[in-house]
Amino acid sequence: MFFNTPLIQIELIEPGDSPSTWKHHLETYGEGVQHISFVVKDMDEKMKMLEKMGYSVIQTGNFYNGKGRYVYMDTTSTYKVIIELLERFDT
């Protein structure tokens, strides 16, 4: 479920039984903030920058509507949350 405000979007996720990043977080840390998202341009460049800083890619995918893509970067060692990069495709 998504809640949109003029400045932020809050996404509530209830993981299913299948293995996932969300299920792992719930089982490891309990309920709480799992990731914070940032909209970026040139996602590949931003991913490489974070990888050079020592953060690995956890998961990638495309938006359900085909209008963009996302990547989860494992920044939990520094920030205690995953950073998600969002790249929207111009339509």
Foldseek 3Di string as FASTA:
>chain_A
DWDDDPPDIDDDDDDDPDDDQVVVCCVPPNDDAAEDEDEDPPVVVVQVVVVVVPWAWDDKDAPPVRFWIKTWIPPCVPPVHIYMYIYGHDD
